[in-house]
């Protein structure tokens, strides 16, 4: 302890123990309220490679609320809650904190999402960003197809496209720097 403290102090640095991004829970209680989702049997799937593995099931009510409860934790990873008839689904991350809620409207999940999960706040905020980025990229691609290679306009669109790609790389790098202990940053 003293040796490490002395070494860090001698270099003008402070020893800093990284705080966990979210609390660790021993059991799972995942409440999903997807307004507009069909009532009935809902399934919880984990994604492993190209496989969807069923982990649990529960009944959703007429308002689209379903709760998956387990006395043990689910494995960390990417999950989907799929509602009866496969008409609605919600993808989300699950890691340390497994006592979470996610409430959204089926018609616009990413913009209406409310959650107590720090991991999923980041996940859905990134989806909003990715959606906006995709619109900008689509517009640039359309404009590129309407211009002649080598023309000043075409070159300007190419520079704009490159700038967006570089911006996205910086955003992703920023997640890792700002949230180094988050599952989302590793997942991203």
Protein backbone atom coordinates (compact mmCIF):
# COMPACT_ATOMS: atom_id res chain seq x y z
CA UNK A 1 0.00 0.00 0.00
CA UNK A 2 2.63 2.55 1.10
CA UNK A 3 5.05 1.58 -1.65
CA UNK A 4 2.38 2.00 -4.37
CA UNK A 5 1.26 5.26 -2.80
CA UNK A 6 4.82 6.54 -2.70
CA UNK A 7 5.52 5.54 -6.30
CA UNK A 8 2.32 7.19 -7.57
CA UNK A 9 2.97 10.30 -5.47
CA UNK A 10 6.52 10.59 -6.71
CA UNK A 11 5.25 10.83 -10.28
CA UNK A 12 2.63 13.40 -9.30
CA UNK A 13 -0.19 10.94 -9.86
CA UNK A 14 -2.85 9.73 -7.48
CA UNK A 15 -3.76 6.07 -7.18
CA UNK A 16 -7.39 5.81 -8.25
CA UNK A 17 -9.51 2.72 -7.84
CA UNK A 18 -12.07 2.64 -10.62
CA UNK A 19 -15.64 2.58 -9.45
CA UNK A 20 -17.96 -0.03 -10.96
CA UNK A 21 -20.15 1.44 -13.69
CA UNK A 22 -23.25 -0.16 -12.19
CA UNK A 23 -24.02 -2.05 -8.98
CA UNK A 24 -23.78 -5.83 -9.01
CA UNK A 25 -27.02 -7.69 -8.22
CA UNK A 26 -27.20 -11.34 -7.16
CA UNK A 27 -30.64 -11.94 -8.69
CA UNK A 28 -32.49 -10.66 -11.74
CA UNK A 29 -35.68 -8.65 -12.09
CA UNK A 30 -36.07 -7.11 -15.52
CA UNK A 31 -39.22 -5.06 -16.02
CA UNK A 32 -40.04 -4.17 -19.59
CA UNK A 33 -43.02 -2.02 -20.40
CA UNK A 34 -43.40 -1.70 -24.14
CA UNK A 35 -46.51 0.40 -24.72
CA UNK A 36 -48.48 -1.04 -27.62
CA UNK A 37 -47.03 -4.55 -27.39
CA UNK A 38 -49.38 -7.52 -27.60
CA UNK A 39 -50.31 -9.22 -24.31
CA UNK A 40 -49.49 -12.89 -23.77
CA UNK A 41 -46.37 -14.98 -23.47
CA UNK A 42 -43.09 -13.07 -23.78
CA UNK A 43 -39.70 -14.72 -24.11
CA UNK A 44 -36.27 -13.57 -23.04
CA UNK A 45 -33.50 -14.54 -25.47
CA UNK A 46 -29.76 -14.10 -25.12
CA UNK A 47 -27.66 -13.73 -28.24
CA UNK A 48 -24.58 -15.93 -28.47
CA UNK A 49 -22.79 -15.64 -31.80
CA UNK A 50 -25.46 -16.31 -34.40
CA UNK A 51 -27.70 -18.19 -31.96
CA UNK A 52 -30.67 -16.91 -29.98
CA UNK A 53 -30.94 -18.88 -26.75
CA UNK A 54 -34.18 -18.77 -24.76
CA UNK A 55 -33.41 -17.87 -21.15
CA UNK A 56 -36.85 -17.26 -19.66
CA UNK A 57 -40.50 -16.52 -20.34
CA UNK A 58 -43.23 -14.54 -18.58
CA UNK A 59 -46.66 -13.15 -19.31
CA UNK A 60 -47.11 -9.59 -20.53
CA UNK A 61 -50.24 -7.68 -19.58
CA UNK A 62 -52.60 -5.68 -21.81
CA UNK A 63 -50.39 -2.58 -21.43
CA UNK A 64 -47.24 -4.38 -22.62
CA UNK A 65 -45.64 -4.81 -19.19
CA UNK A 66 -43.68 -8.00 -18.52
CA UNK A 67 -41.27 -8.89 -15.70
CA UNK A 68 -38.59 -11.55 -16.00
CA UNK A 69 -37.54 -12.64 -12.49
CA UNK A 70 -34.87 -15.10 -11.51
CA UNK A 71 -33.27 -15.86 -8.15
CA UNK A 72 -29.97 -16.21 -10.04
CA UNK A 73 -28.36 -13.83 -12.48
CA UNK A 74 -28.58 -14.24 -16.23
CA UNK A 75 -25.23 -14.37 -18.07
CA UNK A 76 -23.97 -10.97 -19.25
CA UNK A 77 -24.66 -10.17 -22.87
CA UNK A 78 -27.08 -8.87 -25.46
CA UNK A 79 -30.74 -9.85 -24.96
CA UNK A 80 -34.10 -9.58 -26.68
CA UNK A 81 -37.52 -9.60 -25.07
CA UNK A 82 -39.90 -10.93 -27.72
CA UNK A 83 -43.63 -10.49 -27.23
CA UNK A 84 -46.37 -12.96 -28.18
CA UNK A 85 -46.79 -13.44 -31.90
CA UNK A 86 -43.30 -12.00 -32.55
CA UNK A 87 -44.96 -8.63 -33.22
CA UNK A 88 -42.81 -6.62 -30.80
CA UNK A 89 -39.32 -6.96 -29.41
CA UNK A 90 -36.78 -4.98 -27.43
CA UNK A 91 -33.02 -5.50 -27.59
CA UNK A 92 -30.92 -4.49 -24.58
CA UNK A 93 -27.70 -5.11 -22.66
CA UNK A 94 -27.49 -7.06 -19.43
CA UNK A 95 -24.42 -7.10 -17.21
CA UNK A 96 -23.78 -6.37 -13.51
CA UNK A 97 -27.05 -4.63 -12.62
CA UNK A 98 -29.91 -7.02 -13.30
CA UNK A 99 -32.61 -5.19 -11.35
CA UNK A 100 -33.60 -2.86 -14.14
CA UNK A 101 -36.59 -1.41 -15.90
CA UNK A 102 -37.04 -0.25 -19.47
CA UNK A 103 -40.18 1.63 -20.47
CA UNK A 104 -40.81 2.76 -24.05
CA UNK A 105 -43.43 3.16 -26.74
CA UNK A 106 -43.39 0.41 -29.37
CA UNK A 107 -43.80 3.00 -32.15
CA UNK A 108 -40.49 4.77 -31.30
CA UNK A 109 -38.45 2.75 -28.81
CA UNK A 110 -35.13 4.59 -29.01
CA UNK A 111 -36.58 8.08 -28.58
CA UNK A 112 -39.06 7.17 -25.80
CA UNK A 113 -36.83 4.88 -23.73
CA UNK A 114 -36.75 5.45 -19.96
CA UNK A 115 -34.50 3.18 -17.90
CA UNK A 116 -32.65 2.98 -14.59
CA UNK A 117 -29.85 1.01 -16.26
CA UNK A 118 -26.73 3.09 -16.96
CA UNK A 119 -25.63 0.49 -19.53
CA UNK A 120 -28.88 0.74 -21.46
CA UNK A 121 -29.02 4.54 -21.23
CA UNK A 122 -25.73 4.55 -23.13
CA UNK A 123 -26.94 1.80 -25.48
CA UNK A 124 -30.12 3.68 -26.45
CA UNK A 125 -28.39 7.07 -26.62
CA UNK A 126 -25.93 5.50 -29.05
CA UNK A 127 -28.83 4.15 -31.11
CA UNK A 128 -30.26 7.67 -31.39
CA UNK A 129 -26.82 8.89 -32.52
CA UNK A 130 -26.42 5.98 -34.98
CA UNK A 131 -29.88 6.66 -36.47
CA UNK A 132 -29.03 10.33 -37.05
CA UNK A 133 -25.63 9.39 -38.48
CA UNK A 134 -27.24 6.87 -40.87
CA UNK A 135 -29.60 9.60 -42.17
CA UNK A 136 -26.65 11.93 -42.81
CA UNK A 137 -24.65 9.17 -44.51
CA UNK A 138 -27.63 8.23 -46.70
CA UNK A 139 -28.01 11.84 -47.79
CA UNK A 140 -24.30 12.08 -48.65
CA UNK A 141 -24.42 8.78 -50.57
CA UNK A 142 -27.42 10.03 -52.57
CA UNK A 143 -25.63 13.30 -53.34
CA UNK A 144 -22.46 11.43 -54.34
CA UNK A 145 -24.43 9.35 -56.83
CA UNK A 146 -25.74 12.57 -58.42
CA UNK A 147 -22.32 14.14 -58.92
CA UNK A 148 -19.41 13.32 -61.19
CA UNK A 149 -16.25 11.89 -59.63
CA UNK A 150 -13.55 14.54 -59.55
CA UNK A 151 -16.01 17.44 -59.61
CA UNK A 152 -15.72 19.96 -56.77
CA UNK A 153 -19.18 19.02 -55.44
CA UNK A 154 -18.29 15.32 -55.44
CA UNK A 155 -15.03 16.00 -53.60
CA UNK A 156 -16.90 18.09 -51.02
CA UNK A 157 -19.35 15.23 -50.38
CA UNK A 158 -16.44 12.78 -50.05
CA UNK A 159 -14.82 15.05 -47.44
CA UNK A 160 -18.13 15.32 -45.59
CA UNK A 161 -18.46 11.52 -45.59
CA UNK A 162 -14.91 11.08 -44.29
CA UNK A 163 -15.57 13.65 -41.55
CA UNK A 164 -18.65 11.70 -40.37
CA UNK A 165 -16.70 8.42 -40.27
CA UNK A 166 -13.94 10.09 -38.24
CA UNK A 167 -16.54 11.65 -35.92
CA UNK A 168 -18.08 8.23 -35.28
CA UNK A 169 -14.65 6.76 -34.48
CA UNK A 170 -14.11 9.56 -31.95
CA UNK A 171 -17.55 9.00 -30.39
CA UNK A 172 -16.84 5.27 -29.95
CA UNK A 173 -13.38 6.03 -28.54
CA UNK A 174 -15.04 8.55 -26.20
CA UNK A 175 -17.32 5.84 -24.76
CA UNK A 176 -14.28 3.75 -23.84
CA UNK A 177 -12.45 6.72 -22.32
CA UNK A 178 -15.45 8.10 -20.42
CA UNK A 179 -16.93 4.75 -19.29
CA UNK A 180 -13.98 2.31 -19.14
CA UNK A 181 -15.71 -0.12 -16.75
CA UNK A 182 -18.98 -0.27 -18.66
CA UNK A 183 -20.11 -3.37 -20.50
CA UNK A 184 -21.48 -1.07 -23.22
CA UNK A 185 -18.01 0.33 -24.03
CA UNK A 186 -16.63 -3.20 -24.37
CA UNK A 187 -19.71 -4.28 -26.36
CA UNK A 188 -19.49 -1.27 -28.67
